[in-house]
Amino acid sequence: MDRSDEVLSLRSRGVVLLNEPAAVFGAMLEGFARQQTSRGLASQTILVRRWQVERFQRFTETYPWQWLPGDVEDFTTHLLSGARPLARSTVRIYHLTIRAFLNFVTDQRYGWVAECRSRFGAVPTQVCFEWNTVAHTADFEGRPGRRPLDYDELEALFAVADGRVDELVGQGRKGALAALRDAQLLKTTYAWGLRRREVLGLDLVDLRSNPKAPQWGSFALIHVRHGKSSKGSIPKRRSVLSLPEFEVGDRGSTDLCREGSRSVSSGRESRIVADRAGHPGGLPVSGSTVRAVAR
């Protein structure tokens, strides 16, 4: 039977465990993190999952070889109660994490079942089932009261962002160029429906033309290179078409690229920034910081 490195390290000669249950649980978490890393998951995802398992253990005040289905039900009730109850989607993620952790420690190939039996006379078992966990039954799990902004509200939001640029330029204060960049970041995010990571990864080469929509010129679509990835895979790529309802995003990018822009070195690569900081357009600046003096 195969044993993980964590199990073997617990049996090192000359090592006396002062708190045997805590040491075994810590070794389980280390092994779980290694297994998740081997799957290609992001380090932040692994850290969050480890923290979620640790939170469940602190709530139960017991260890995996002592957990029962009722512990999951009590933990779920705790998460959904109090002054700030968690969303159902967040609770479902907790359930998925606990289930994945127990799938790992109950797998005979990792040796934790035999190790727990020899040390504690009990073995970990799966405690997450269909009848005590939140199921993923809907595509949208947000609160019903949440809704997207309408066009008038978006125009008001963009006007505030542009007004901030004009205010800084009129007062002769620093930060106009950064405000200009942020204003176009905001417009680009809404105009093409991008995620934060996607919009931060944009560059000028990602602005493309479309022969079926020549009226848009070089801004008929955006090529997203940093799309949301599946578990353990690289970021996905996709192309997003421009829409006439969000002409403001195209107009800002066009003005920035065609009217008096200049290339400024950022130390690692060149980015395009507006020469006139008072103009109500801008382009997302990704990667490194761009420094320039706005006129």
Protein backbone atom coordinates (compact mmCIF):
# COMPACT_ATOMS: atom_id res chain seq x y z
CA MET A 1 0.00 0.00 0.00
CA ASP A 2 1.34 3.43 -0.96
CA ARG A 3 1.93 5.98 1.76
CA SER A 4 2.26 9.73 1.33
CA ASP A 5 5.39 11.59 2.42
CA GLU A 6 3.41 13.19 5.24
CA VAL A 7 2.47 9.79 6.70
CA LEU A 8 6.07 8.59 6.52
CA SER A 9 7.37 11.76 8.18
CA LEU A 10 5.10 11.15 11.16
CA ARG A 11 6.84 7.81 11.71
CA SER A 12 10.36 9.23 11.68
CA ARG A 13 12.58 7.62 14.27
CA GLY A 14 13.26 9.62 17.39
CA VAL A 15 10.32 12.01 16.88
CA VAL A 16 7.86 12.32 19.75
CA LEU A 17 4.61 14.14 18.99
CA LEU A 18 3.57 16.36 21.88
CA ASN A 19 0.10 16.88 20.39
CA GLU A 20 -0.48 13.82 18.26
CA PRO A 21 -3.98 14.65 16.91
CA ALA A 22 -2.96 18.18 15.88
CA ALA A 23 0.24 16.91 14.26
CA VAL A 24 -1.62 14.27 12.25
CA PHE A 25 -4.24 16.80 11.15
CA GLY A 26 -1.51 19.25 10.09
CA ALA A 27 0.18 16.53 8.06
CA MET A 28 -3.16 15.76 6.42
CA LEU A 29 -3.51 19.39 5.41
CA GLU A 30 0.01 19.42 3.96
CA GLY A 31 -0.74 16.32 1.93
CA PHE A 32 -4.03 17.79 0.74
CA ALA A 33 -2.22 20.94 -0.39
CA ARG A 34 0.35 18.86 -2.30
CA GLN A 35 -2.42 16.89 -3.99
CA GLN A 36 -4.19 20.10 -5.02
CA THR A 37 -0.92 21.54 -6.32
CA SER A 38 -0.40 18.39 -8.39
CA ARG A 39 -3.80 19.05 -9.98
CA GLY A 40 -2.52 22.43 -11.18
CA LEU A 41 -4.77 24.56 -8.98
CA ALA A 42 -3.76 28.13 -8.16
CA SER A 43 -1.89 28.72 -4.91
CA GLN A 44 -4.57 31.12 -3.69
CA THR A 45 -7.26 28.50 -4.27
CA ILE A 46 -5.25 25.98 -2.26
CA LEU A 47 -4.74 28.44 0.61
CA VAL A 48 -8.46 29.23 0.74
CA ARG A 49 -9.42 25.55 0.75
CA ARG A 50 -6.97 24.80 3.52
CA TRP A 51 -8.35 27.68 5.58
CA GLN A 52 -11.91 26.41 5.05
CA VAL A 53 -11.01 22.94 6.33
CA GLU A 54 -9.25 24.47 9.32
CA ARG A 55 -12.32 26.59 10.08
CA PHE A 56 -14.52 23.50 10.03
CA GLN A 57 -12.11 21.76 12.41
CA ARG A 58 -12.11 24.71 14.80
CA PHE A 59 -15.90 24.73 14.78
CA THR A 60 -16.24 21.03 15.55
CA GLU A 61 -13.26 20.97 17.95
CA THR A 62 -12.65 17.43 16.70
CA TYR A 63 -10.52 15.84 13.98
CA PRO A 64 -11.33 14.13 10.65
CA TRP A 65 -11.39 10.64 12.18
CA GLN A 66 -14.06 11.91 14.59
CA TRP A 67 -16.24 13.92 12.19
CA LEU A 68 -19.89 12.95 11.72
CA PRO A 69 -22.58 14.02 9.21
CA GLY A 70 -24.22 15.99 12.00
CA ASP A 71 -21.10 18.16 12.25
CA VAL A 72 -21.65 19.31 8.68
CA GLU A 73 -25.27 20.14 9.41
CA ASP A 74 -24.36 22.10 12.55
CA PHE A 75 -21.62 23.95 10.65
CA THR A 76 -24.03 24.81 7.84
CA THR A 77 -26.55 26.18 10.33
CA HIS A 78 -23.79 28.27 11.88
CA LEU A 79 -22.75 29.72 8.50
CA LEU A 80 -26.33 30.60 7.58
CA SER A 81 -27.16 32.26 10.90
CA GLY A 82 -25.94 35.25 12.85
CA ALA A 83 -25.74 38.93 11.95
CA ARG A 84 -23.95 38.27 8.64
CA PRO A 85 -25.06 34.91 7.21
CA LEU A 86 -23.11 33.63 4.24
CA ALA A 87 -24.62 33.28 0.78
CA ARG A 88 -25.79 29.83 -0.29
CA SER A 89 -23.12 29.75 -2.99
CA THR A 90 -20.41 30.34 -0.36
CA VAL A 91 -21.81 27.58 1.86
CA ARG A 92 -21.81 25.25 -1.14
CA ILE A 93 -18.10 25.98 -1.66
CA TYR A 94 -17.43 25.03 1.97
CA HIS A 95 -19.23 21.74 1.39
CA LEU A 96 -17.25 21.03 -1.77
CA THR A 97 -13.97 21.73 0.02
CA ILE A 98 -14.77 19.51 3.01
CA ARG A 99 -15.92 16.73 0.67
CA ALA A 100 -12.71 17.01 -1.40
CA PHE A 101 -10.53 16.93 1.72
CA LEU A 102 -12.27 13.83 3.05
CA ASN A 103 -12.05 12.16 -0.36
CA PHE A 104 -8.29 12.66 -0.06
CA VAL A 105 -7.81 11.35 3.49
CA THR A 106 -10.15 8.37 2.97
CA ASP A 107 -8.36 7.24 -0.20
CA GLN A 108 -6.52 4.03 0.70
CA ARG A 109 -3.62 4.96 -1.58
CA TYR A 110 -2.54 7.79 0.73
CA GLY A 111 -2.35 5.68 3.87
CA TRP A 112 -4.27 7.96 6.21
CA VAL A 113 -6.96 5.39 7.01
CA ALA A 114 -4.40 2.87 8.27
CA GLU A 115 -2.43 5.56 10.07
CA CYS A 116 -5.48 6.83 11.97
CA ARG A 117 -6.56 3.29 12.84
CA SER A 118 -3.15 2.49 14.33
CA ARG A 119 -2.88 5.77 16.26
CA PHE A 120 -6.43 6.53 17.37
CA GLY A 121 -8.45 3.38 16.79
CA ALA A 122 -10.77 5.32 14.43
CA VAL A 123 -10.69 6.21 10.74
CA PRO A 124 -11.89 9.24 8.76
CA THR A 125 -15.05 8.76 6.70
CA GLN A 126 -16.95 10.89 4.22
CA VAL A 127 -19.55 13.06 5.99
CA CYS A 128 -20.77 15.18 3.06
CA PHE A 129 -23.70 13.67 1.18
CA GLU A 130 -26.53 14.82 -1.05
CA TRP A 131 -28.95 15.14 1.84
CA ASN A 132 -26.81 17.45 4.03
CA THR A 133 -25.06 19.71 1.49
CA VAL A 134 -26.17 22.55 -0.77
CA ALA A 135 -26.73 21.44 -4.36
CA HIS A 136 -25.79 23.52 -7.39
CA THR A 137 -29.19 23.65 -9.11
CA ALA A 138 -29.25 27.16 -10.62
CA ASP A 139 -26.94 28.95 -13.05
CA PHE A 140 -27.25 32.18 -11.05
CA GLU A 141 -26.88 32.00 -7.29
CA GLY A 142 -26.84 35.72 -6.47
CA ARG A 143 -29.32 37.62 -4.37
CA PRO A 144 -32.63 38.36 -6.17
CA GLY A 145 -32.35 42.03 -5.27
CA ARG A 146 -29.18 42.46 -7.31
CA ARG A 147 -29.60 43.73 -10.87
CA PRO A 148 -27.39 45.23 -13.58
CA LEU A 149 -27.24 48.98 -14.07
CA ASP A 150 -29.45 50.40 -16.80
CA TYR A 151 -28.12 52.68 -19.54
CA ASP A 152 -28.99 55.92 -17.73
CA GLU A 153 -27.24 54.74 -14.58
CA LEU A 154 -24.19 53.73 -16.59
CA GLU A 155 -24.05 57.14 -18.27
CA ALA A 156 -24.20 58.79 -14.85
CA LEU A 157 -21.40 56.53 -13.61
CA PHE A 158 -19.22 57.34 -16.62
CA ALA A 159 -19.93 61.06 -16.20
CA VAL A 160 -18.65 60.95 -12.62
CA ALA A 161 -15.45 59.21 -13.75
CA ASP A 162 -14.88 61.76 -16.53
CA GLY A 163 -15.70 64.61 -14.18
CA ARG A 164 -12.94 63.49 -11.84
CA VAL A 165 -10.41 63.86 -14.66
CA ASP A 166 -11.64 67.36 -15.51
CA GLU A 167 -11.57 68.32 -11.84
CA LEU A 168 -7.94 67.28 -11.37
CA VAL A 169 -6.83 68.99 -14.57
CA GLY A 170 -8.66 72.19 -13.66
CA GLN A 171 -7.05 72.26 -10.22
CA GLY A 172 -3.60 71.51 -11.61
CA ARG A 173 -3.23 68.55 -9.26
CA LYS A 174 -1.44 65.26 -9.78
CA GLY A 175 -3.37 62.13 -10.61
CA ALA A 176 -5.19 63.28 -13.74
CA LEU A 177 -3.52 60.64 -15.90
CA ALA A 178 -4.37 57.89 -13.43
CA ALA A 179 -7.97 59.12 -13.26
CA LEU A 180 -8.08 59.13 -17.06
CA ARG A 181 -6.87 55.55 -17.16
CA ASP A 182 -9.37 54.48 -14.50
CA ALA A 183 -12.24 56.14 -16.36
CA GLN A 184 -11.53 54.16 -19.50
CA LEU A 185 -10.97 51.01 -17.44
CA LEU A 186 -14.48 51.44 -16.13
CA LYS A 187 -15.94 52.05 -19.58
CA THR A 188 -14.07 49.12 -21.11
CA THR A 189 -15.24 46.78 -18.36
CA TYR A 190 -18.91 47.60 -18.95
CA ALA A 191 -18.75 48.07 -22.73
CA TRP A 192 -17.33 44.61 -23.39
CA GLY A 193 -18.53 42.79 -20.27
CA LEU A 194 -15.09 41.85 -18.98
CA ARG A 195 -13.93 40.45 -15.67
CA ARG A 196 -11.35 42.33 -13.61
CA ARG A 197 -8.51 40.00 -14.53
CA GLU A 198 -9.51 40.13 -18.19
CA VAL A 199 -9.54 43.91 -18.40
CA LEU A 200 -6.25 44.27 -16.52
CA GLY A 201 -4.57 41.99 -19.04
CA LEU A 202 -5.58 44.00 -22.11
CA ASP A 203 -3.12 45.70 -24.43
CA LEU A 204 -3.44 47.62 -27.70
CA VAL A 205 -2.82 44.49 -29.77
CA ASP A 206 -6.03 43.02 -28.32
CA LEU A 207 -8.17 45.60 -30.16
CA ARG A 208 -9.23 44.01 -33.45
CA SER A 209 -11.25 44.83 -36.56
CA ASN A 210 -14.19 42.87 -37.95
CA PRO A 211 -14.88 42.74 -41.70
CA LYS A 212 -18.58 42.30 -40.97
CA ALA A 213 -18.66 45.54 -38.96
CA PRO A 214 -16.32 47.97 -40.78
CA GLN A 215 -17.94 50.96 -39.08
CA TRP A 216 -16.13 50.02 -35.86
CA GLY A 217 -12.70 50.24 -37.44
CA SER A 218 -9.99 48.74 -35.27
CA PHE A 219 -12.31 48.47 -32.28
CA ALA A 220 -14.88 45.97 -33.56
CA LEU A 221 -13.89 43.36 -31.00
CA ILE A 222 -11.56 42.75 -28.10
CA HIS A 223 -9.42 39.64 -27.91
CA VAL A 224 -9.33 38.49 -24.28
CA ARG A 225 -6.14 36.59 -23.44
CA HIS A 226 -6.62 36.29 -19.68
CA GLY A 227 -10.07 34.74 -19.47
CA LYS A 228 -11.35 32.68 -16.57
CA SER A 229 -9.68 29.29 -16.58
CA SER A 230 -11.09 25.92 -15.68
CA LYS A 231 -9.70 24.15 -12.64
CA GLY A 232 -6.07 23.30 -13.20
CA SER A 233 -5.88 24.78 -16.72
CA ILE A 234 -4.38 27.89 -18.28
CA PRO A 235 -6.45 31.06 -18.84
CA LYS A 236 -8.97 30.73 -21.66
CA ARG A 237 -9.05 33.06 -24.66
CA ARG A 238 -12.15 34.55 -26.23
CA SER A 239 -13.24 37.39 -28.51
CA VAL A 240 -15.90 39.89 -27.46
CA LEU A 241 -17.76 41.88 -30.13
CA SER A 242 -18.42 45.60 -29.71
CA LEU A 243 -22.04 46.67 -29.26
CA PRO A 244 -23.59 49.93 -30.48
CA GLU A 245 -25.27 50.39 -27.09
CA PHE A 246 -21.82 50.93 -25.56
CA GLU A 247 -20.32 53.28 -28.08
CA VAL A 248 -18.68 55.19 -25.24
CA GLY A 249 -16.10 52.44 -24.72
CA ASP A 250 -15.11 52.44 -28.39
CA ARG A 251 -15.09 56.23 -28.56
CA GLY A 252 -12.75 56.57 -25.59
CA SER A 253 -10.31 54.01 -26.98
CA THR A 254 -10.40 55.59 -30.43
CA ASP A 255 -9.71 59.07 -29.08
CA LEU A 256 -6.85 57.81 -26.96
CA CYS A 257 -5.12 55.87 -29.72
CA ARG A 258 -5.61 58.40 -32.53
CA GLU A 259 -5.41 61.82 -30.94
CA GLY A 260 -2.04 62.90 -29.65
CA SER A 261 -1.02 59.81 -27.71
CA ARG A 262 2.59 58.95 -27.04
CA SER A 263 4.51 55.89 -25.90
CA VAL A 264 5.99 56.06 -22.42
CA SER A 265 8.45 53.49 -21.11
CA SER A 266 7.38 51.77 -17.92
CA GLY A 267 10.71 50.10 -17.22
CA ARG A 268 9.73 46.71 -18.68
CA GLU A 269 7.73 47.53 -21.80
CA SER A 270 6.01 50.39 -23.58
CA ARG A 271 2.40 51.31 -23.03
CA ILE A 272 0.23 53.89 -24.73
CA VAL A 273 -1.03 56.67 -22.52
CA ALA A 274 -2.93 59.85 -23.35
CA ASP A 275 -0.91 62.99 -24.00
CA ARG A 276 -3.79 65.21 -22.90
CA ALA A 277 -4.90 64.15 -19.45
CA GLY A 278 -8.09 66.16 -19.68
CA HIS A 279 -9.52 64.07 -22.49
CA PRO A 280 -12.49 61.87 -21.40
CA GLY A 281 -10.91 58.71 -22.81
CA GLY A 282 -8.20 56.35 -21.71
CA LEU A 283 -6.92 52.82 -22.11
CA PRO A 284 -6.36 50.21 -19.43
CA VAL A 285 -2.74 49.99 -18.40
CA SER A 286 -1.77 46.46 -17.40
CA GLY A 287 1.31 44.96 -15.83
CA SER A 288 3.66 47.67 -14.66
CA THR A 289 3.07 51.24 -13.65
CA VAL A 290 3.29 53.97 -16.26
CA ARG A 291 4.57 57.36 -15.18
CA ALA A 292 3.98 60.46 -17.28
CA VAL A 293 3.48 64.17 -16.79
CA ALA A 294 0.00 65.29 -17.84
CA ARG A 295 -0.26 68.62 -19.53
